[in-house]
Amino acid sequence: MLPPVSVLIPNWNGASRLKTLFRSLQGQEPIEEIIVIDNGSTDSSRAVASAAGARVIAVDRNEGFAPAVNRGVKSARGHWLAVINNDVELEPGWLKALLSSALARPAWFATGKLLDRARPSHIDGTFDAVCRGGTAWRCGSGRPDGPAFNIETQIQFAPFTAVLLKKELFGRVGLLDERFESYLEDVDFGLRCARFGLSGVYVPSAIAYHQGSATLGRWHADSVRRISRNQLLLVSKHIGRYGWPVFVAQGLWGLVALRHGAAWPWLKGKLDGRRLIRQTTEQPPSDLSEVFIRSERQIKDLQRETGFDLYWKLYFALT
């Protein structure tokens, strides 16, 4: 018999997307409860959630993704927690596939294959990997689905877009770092898990569809600013020094932002990051060099197998 699962859905003005997600949750098992953490929505999100039988945690303002998840974790009753974005649609059996694989290994967390809702033949994301320069890749993003993404494997980084986690994990490593607000909080969480030797599993048979950046847009100025800021926070927490790979990775990401007309938000994010780091006192980073090396090798191997993006081609050429 499978243990009960609490489903946590952070939400901000996503009423129409919630309806799609709730339909796909019907028949998923074993769900004990559904909790919607609503970040001050001004649309009908709370009414939609209540009508679907979800418990609503109402927040007065949009505090960000990480604080919303933390509220849900503290309130949840289940021994396992499924965190799902409001712009995700699940295939039947998604939850059972993740839970069964996590229990069989055993693993502390599990994530499945996310396909692009607009192009279901293409990957939106699988699991994450991070380089020595502090930037991350959602492995497979934008590529046609294929054999490289059909292998169940042990992973260190699970996107919180749609993920299953043992609730006890948060007692071991702590809640999400709310300074991240949104973006890269899941990579930070994976690195903290690595300090304790806790890992997860990627389950390609657990399939879901993701709209992708449905709330603000992929290159929205606020998204770029937060990612840029959080990249520095990630470096400060887990790398601790600004060596050559960091300068290369951060600089190349700035050029990508420039190409998308977002150079100023990128620069503002770096300035915000420096201020945030100066205001807080971090513990000296644990030696996670082997974790970064393995993860970077994973990026290189997958890029080589499925075709190099220009960003990663330049990164590996320069480092």
Protein backbone atom coordinates (compact mmCIF):
# COMPACT_ATOMS: atom_id res chain seq x y z
CA MET A 1 0.00 0.00 0.00
CA LEU A 2 1.39 3.37 -1.03
CA PRO A 3 1.77 6.12 1.61
CA PRO A 4 -0.49 9.20 1.39
CA VAL A 5 0.62 12.30 -0.51
CA SER A 6 -0.18 15.98 0.08
CA VAL A 7 -0.28 18.01 -3.15
CA LEU A 8 1.01 21.58 -2.79
CA ILE A 9 0.18 24.13 -5.50
CA PRO A 10 1.70 27.63 -5.25
CA ASN A 11 -0.52 30.04 -7.18
CA TRP A 12 -0.81 33.64 -8.24
CA ASN A 13 -3.65 34.70 -10.56
CA GLY A 14 -3.77 31.30 -12.24
CA ALA A 15 -7.49 30.48 -12.12
CA SER A 16 -7.73 29.11 -15.67
CA ARG A 17 -4.53 27.08 -15.30
CA LEU A 18 -5.72 25.67 -11.97
CA LYS A 19 -8.81 24.24 -13.65
CA THR A 20 -6.64 22.26 -16.07
CA LEU A 21 -4.36 21.03 -13.28
CA PHE A 22 -7.29 19.96 -11.08
CA ARG A 23 -8.77 17.94 -13.95
CA SER A 24 -5.48 16.10 -14.36
CA LEU A 25 -5.28 15.43 -10.60
CA GLN A 26 -8.52 13.46 -10.74
CA GLY A 27 -7.70 9.78 -10.52
CA GLN A 28 -4.12 10.33 -9.37
CA GLU A 29 -3.34 8.23 -6.33
CA PRO A 30 -2.67 8.16 -3.46
CA ILE A 31 -3.66 11.79 -2.71
CA GLU A 32 -4.58 12.63 0.89
CA GLU A 33 -5.15 16.36 0.38
CA ILE A 34 -4.65 19.21 -2.08
CA ILE A 35 -3.42 22.54 -0.74
CA VAL A 36 -3.36 25.71 -2.83
CA ILE A 37 -1.09 28.42 -1.43
CA ASP A 38 -2.52 31.55 -3.00
CA ASN A 39 -0.17 34.55 -3.16
CA GLY A 40 -2.69 37.39 -3.12
CA SER A 41 -4.51 36.57 -6.36
CA THR A 42 -7.00 39.11 -7.67
CA ASP A 43 -8.75 36.67 -10.02
CA SER A 44 -11.05 33.77 -9.10
CA SER A 45 -8.22 31.41 -8.10
CA ARG A 46 -9.41 30.89 -4.53
CA ALA A 47 -12.97 30.13 -5.61
CA VAL A 48 -11.73 27.68 -8.26
CA ALA A 49 -9.53 25.91 -5.70
CA SER A 50 -12.28 25.68 -3.09
CA ALA A 51 -14.77 24.37 -5.65
CA ALA A 52 -12.30 21.60 -6.54
CA GLY A 53 -12.10 20.53 -2.88
CA ALA A 54 -8.66 22.01 -2.20
CA ARG A 55 -7.68 23.61 1.06
CA VAL A 56 -6.65 27.22 0.42
CA ILE A 57 -3.91 29.01 2.34
CA ALA A 58 -4.58 32.67 1.57
CA VAL A 59 -1.62 35.06 1.58
CA ASP A 60 -2.19 38.81 1.35
CA ARG A 61 0.54 39.49 -1.21
CA ASN A 62 2.76 37.70 -3.70
CA GLU A 63 5.70 36.64 -1.53
CA GLY A 64 7.22 34.40 -4.20
CA PHE A 65 7.42 30.69 -4.92
CA ALA A 66 9.75 29.61 -2.11
CA PRO A 67 7.72 31.16 0.76
CA ALA A 68 4.54 29.67 -0.71
CA VAL A 69 6.03 26.17 -0.81
CA ASN A 70 7.30 26.54 2.75
CA ARG A 71 3.82 27.48 3.96
CA GLY A 72 2.46 24.39 2.28
CA VAL A 73 5.15 22.10 3.71
CA LYS A 74 4.45 23.29 7.26
CA SER A 75 0.71 22.74 6.82
CA ALA A 76 0.73 19.41 4.97
CA ARG A 77 -0.34 16.15 6.62
CA GLY A 78 1.11 13.64 4.14
CA HIS A 79 4.39 11.78 4.56
CA TRP A 80 5.17 12.61 0.93
CA LEU A 81 4.65 16.00 -0.74
CA ALA A 82 4.01 16.70 -4.42
CA VAL A 83 4.85 20.30 -5.34
CA ILE A 84 3.23 21.22 -8.66
CA ASN A 85 3.17 24.52 -10.56
CA ASN A 86 -0.26 25.76 -11.60
CA ASP A 87 0.73 25.61 -15.30
CA VAL A 88 1.30 21.84 -15.28
CA GLU A 89 -1.00 19.11 -16.61
CA LEU A 90 -0.38 15.54 -15.45
CA GLU A 91 -0.78 12.32 -17.40
CA PRO A 92 -2.70 9.53 -15.64
CA GLY A 93 -0.47 7.56 -13.30
CA TRP A 94 2.09 10.37 -12.87
CA LEU A 95 2.00 10.36 -9.08
CA LYS A 96 1.94 6.56 -8.70
CA ALA A 97 4.93 6.17 -11.04
CA LEU A 98 7.01 8.68 -9.06
CA LEU A 99 6.09 7.27 -5.67
CA SER A 100 6.65 3.65 -6.71
CA SER A 101 10.13 4.39 -8.10
CA ALA A 102 11.11 6.52 -5.09
CA LEU A 103 10.10 3.75 -2.68
CA ALA A 104 11.79 1.01 -4.71
CA ARG A 105 15.23 2.65 -4.88
CA PRO A 106 14.81 4.14 -2.19
CA ALA A 107 15.12 7.86 -3.03
CA TRP A 108 14.33 11.05 -1.14
CA PHE A 109 12.68 12.79 -4.09
CA ALA A 110 11.52 12.03 -7.61
CA THR A 111 10.70 13.94 -10.75
CA GLY A 112 9.41 12.91 -14.16
CA LYS A 113 9.53 13.98 -17.77
CA LEU A 114 8.02 17.40 -18.53
CA LEU A 115 6.93 17.88 -22.14
CA ASP A 116 6.24 21.26 -23.73
CA ARG A 117 2.48 21.71 -23.80
CA ALA A 118 2.72 23.75 -27.01
CA ARG A 119 5.01 21.13 -28.64
CA PRO A 120 4.39 17.78 -26.94
CA SER A 121 7.09 16.12 -29.07
CA HIS A 122 9.69 18.30 -27.32
CA ILE A 123 11.13 18.31 -23.82
CA ASP A 124 10.32 21.17 -21.47
CA GLY A 125 12.55 19.69 -18.78
CA THR A 126 13.66 16.54 -17.03
CA PHE A 127 16.06 17.05 -14.13
CA ASP A 128 18.48 19.91 -13.46
CA ALA A 129 22.26 20.07 -13.61
CA VAL A 130 24.55 22.90 -12.49
CA CYS A 131 28.02 23.93 -13.62
CA ARG A 132 31.04 25.12 -11.61
CA GLY A 133 30.13 28.66 -12.63
CA GLY A 134 26.82 28.64 -10.77
CA THR A 135 24.44 28.50 -13.74
CA ALA A 136 22.01 25.65 -14.25
CA TRP A 137 20.53 23.76 -17.20
CA ARG A 138 17.14 22.11 -17.20
CA CYS A 139 18.36 19.04 -19.03
CA GLY A 140 16.79 18.53 -22.42
CA SER A 141 14.89 21.82 -22.51
CA GLY A 142 13.78 22.60 -26.07
CA ARG A 143 15.04 19.33 -27.55
CA PRO A 144 12.96 16.63 -29.26
CA ASP A 145 12.02 13.82 -26.89
CA GLY A 146 14.26 10.82 -27.43
CA PRO A 147 16.25 7.91 -25.98
CA ALA A 148 18.59 10.16 -23.96
CA PHE A 149 15.64 11.17 -21.79
CA ASN A 150 14.04 7.72 -21.38
CA ILE A 151 16.48 6.29 -18.83
CA GLU A 152 15.53 6.15 -15.15
CA THR A 153 18.51 7.50 -13.26
CA GLN A 154 19.71 8.80 -9.90
CA ILE A 155 19.72 12.60 -9.77
CA GLN A 156 20.81 15.37 -7.44
CA PHE A 157 18.59 18.22 -8.68
CA ALA A 158 14.83 18.01 -9.21
CA PRO A 159 12.91 20.98 -10.64
CA PHE A 160 10.18 22.09 -8.28
CA THR A 161 7.93 22.56 -11.32
CA ALA A 162 6.52 19.11 -10.61
CA VAL A 163 8.30 17.07 -7.96
CA LEU A 164 7.60 14.49 -5.27
CA LEU A 165 9.55 14.73 -1.99
CA LYS A 166 9.60 12.90 1.30
CA LYS A 167 8.38 15.38 3.93
CA GLU A 168 11.15 14.24 6.27
CA LEU A 169 13.65 15.71 3.81
CA PHE A 170 12.73 19.24 4.89
CA GLY A 171 13.44 18.26 8.48
CA ARG A 172 16.89 17.05 7.42
CA VAL A 173 18.04 19.97 5.24
CA GLY A 174 15.60 22.77 6.08
CA LEU A 175 12.89 24.58 4.15
CA LEU A 176 13.49 26.41 0.88
CA ASP A 177 15.68 29.51 1.25
CA GLU A 178 13.14 32.33 0.99
CA ARG A 179 15.76 34.83 -0.12
CA PHE A 180 15.53 33.23 -3.55
CA GLU A 181 11.80 34.10 -3.72
CA SER A 182 11.44 32.43 -7.14
CA TYR A 183 14.00 30.74 -9.45
CA LEU A 184 16.95 28.50 -8.51
CA GLU A 185 15.55 27.78 -5.05
CA ASP A 186 15.26 24.16 -6.20
CA VAL A 187 18.92 24.02 -7.30
CA ASP A 188 19.94 25.47 -3.93
CA PHE A 189 17.81 22.80 -2.23
CA GLY A 190 19.49 20.07 -4.26
CA LEU A 191 22.94 21.30 -3.25
CA ARG A 192 21.89 21.31 0.39
CA CYS A 193 20.67 17.73 -0.03
CA ALA A 194 24.07 16.85 -1.52
CA ARG A 195 25.75 17.98 1.71
CA PHE A 196 23.88 15.19 3.49
CA GLY A 197 24.34 12.63 0.72
CA LEU A 198 20.61 12.64 -0.10
CA SER A 199 19.59 12.13 -3.72
CA GLY A 200 16.55 11.43 -5.89
CA VAL A 201 15.42 9.65 -9.02
CA TYR A 202 14.34 10.73 -12.50
CA VAL A 203 11.37 8.66 -13.69
CA PRO A 204 10.73 9.16 -17.43
CA SER A 205 7.48 7.17 -17.33
CA ALA A 206 5.96 9.89 -15.11
CA ILE A 207 4.91 12.36 -17.81
CA ALA A 208 3.44 15.83 -17.43
CA TYR A 209 2.99 18.85 -19.68
CA HIS A 210 4.24 22.31 -18.80
CA GLN A 211 3.17 25.62 -20.26
CA GLY A 212 6.44 27.24 -19.16
CA SER A 213 6.81 30.75 -17.67
CA ALA A 214 3.06 31.17 -17.89
CA THR A 215 2.87 33.78 -15.12
CA LEU A 216 5.40 36.38 -16.31
CA GLY A 217 7.06 35.08 -19.48
CA ARG A 218 10.48 33.54 -20.04
CA TRP A 219 12.41 36.80 -20.55
CA HIS A 220 10.25 39.13 -18.48
CA ALA A 221 12.42 41.77 -16.82
CA ASP A 222 11.52 40.63 -13.31
CA SER A 223 12.27 36.99 -14.14
CA VAL A 224 15.69 37.90 -15.56
CA ARG A 225 16.50 40.11 -12.55
CA ARG A 226 15.63 37.37 -10.07
CA ILE A 227 17.55 34.65 -11.92
CA SER A 228 20.58 36.94 -12.24
CA ARG A 229 20.44 37.81 -8.53
CA ASN A 230 19.93 34.22 -7.44
CA GLN A 231 22.85 32.97 -9.51
CA LEU A 232 25.15 35.08 -7.31
CA LEU A 233 23.40 33.90 -4.16
CA LEU A 234 23.97 30.30 -5.31
CA VAL A 235 27.67 31.01 -5.87
CA SER A 236 28.00 32.68 -2.47
CA LYS A 237 26.32 29.81 -0.63
CA HIS A 238 27.89 26.83 -2.33
CA ILE A 239 31.03 27.88 -4.24
CA GLY A 240 32.27 30.82 -2.21
CA ARG A 241 34.84 32.15 -4.67
CA TYR A 242 34.66 33.99 -7.97
CA GLY A 243 37.03 31.91 -10.05
CA TRP A 244 37.26 31.75 -13.82
CA PRO A 245 34.29 29.36 -14.36
CA VAL A 246 32.06 31.74 -12.40
CA PHE A 247 33.07 34.76 -14.48
CA VAL A 248 32.59 32.81 -17.70
CA ALA A 249 29.21 31.35 -16.75
CA GLN A 250 27.80 34.62 -15.40
CA GLY A 251 29.20 36.73 -18.24
CA LEU A 252 27.85 34.43 -20.95
CA TRP A 253 24.44 34.45 -19.30
CA GLY A 254 24.58 38.25 -19.39
CA LEU A 255 25.19 38.10 -23.15
CA VAL A 256 22.17 35.83 -23.55
CA ALA A 257 20.10 38.36 -21.61
CA LEU A 258 21.44 41.14 -23.84
CA ARG A 259 20.39 39.17 -26.93
CA HIS A 260 16.85 39.02 -25.51
CA GLY A 261 16.78 42.74 -24.70
CA ALA A 262 17.16 42.17 -20.96
CA ALA A 263 20.68 43.49 -20.27
CA TRP A 264 19.52 46.04 -17.68
CA PRO A 265 17.49 43.53 -15.61
CA TRP A 266 20.52 41.20 -15.73
CA LEU A 267 22.82 43.95 -14.41
CA LYS A 268 20.26 45.04 -11.82
CA GLY A 269 20.01 41.43 -10.65
CA LYS A 270 23.78 41.24 -10.15
CA LEU A 271 23.73 44.47 -8.14
CA ASP A 272 20.80 43.20 -6.07
CA GLY A 273 22.69 39.96 -5.51
CA ARG A 274 25.80 41.72 -4.25
CA ARG A 275 23.70 43.79 -1.82
CA LEU A 276 21.85 40.70 -0.61
CA ILE A 277 25.09 38.82 0.00
CA ARG A 278 26.62 41.73 1.93
CA GLN A 279 23.54 41.89 4.17
CA THR A 280 23.72 38.24 5.20
CA THR A 281 26.36 36.09 6.82
CA GLU A 282 26.82 32.73 5.15
CA GLN A 283 28.44 29.69 6.67
CA PRO A 284 31.62 28.72 4.79
CA PRO A 285 30.49 26.57 1.84
CA SER A 286 30.87 22.82 2.19
CA ASP A 287 33.25 21.20 -0.27
CA LEU A 288 30.83 20.27 -3.04
CA SER A 289 33.46 20.33 -5.78
CA GLU A 290 32.81 16.68 -6.70
CA VAL A 291 29.07 17.38 -6.94
CA PHE A 292 29.68 20.30 -9.31
CA ILE A 293 32.17 18.31 -11.38
CA ARG A 294 29.76 15.38 -11.78
CA SER A 295 26.87 17.68 -12.61
CA GLU A 296 28.91 19.66 -15.12
CA ARG A 297 30.05 16.41 -16.75
CA GLN A 298 26.38 15.43 -17.02
CA ILE A 299 25.65 18.69 -18.85
CA LYS A 300 28.54 18.13 -21.24
CA ASP A 301 27.60 14.51 -21.97
CA LEU A 302 23.94 15.36 -22.68
CA GLN A 303 24.89 18.38 -24.76
CA ARG A 304 27.30 16.25 -26.79
CA GLU A 305 24.66 13.55 -27.31
CA THR A 306 21.77 15.86 -28.23
CA GLY A 307 23.55 18.87 -29.76
CA PHE A 308 25.36 21.76 -28.13
CA ASP A 309 23.60 25.01 -27.28
CA LEU A 310 25.83 27.99 -28.09
CA TYR A 311 25.94 29.00 -24.41
CA TRP A 312 27.32 25.65 -23.28
CA LYS A 313 29.59 25.28 -26.28
CA LEU A 314 31.25 28.59 -25.35
CA TYR A 315 31.29 27.77 -21.64
CA PHE A 316 33.12 24.49 -22.14
CA ALA A 317 35.47 26.00 -24.72
CA LEU A 318 36.46 28.80 -22.30
CA THR A 319 36.73 26.69 -19.14
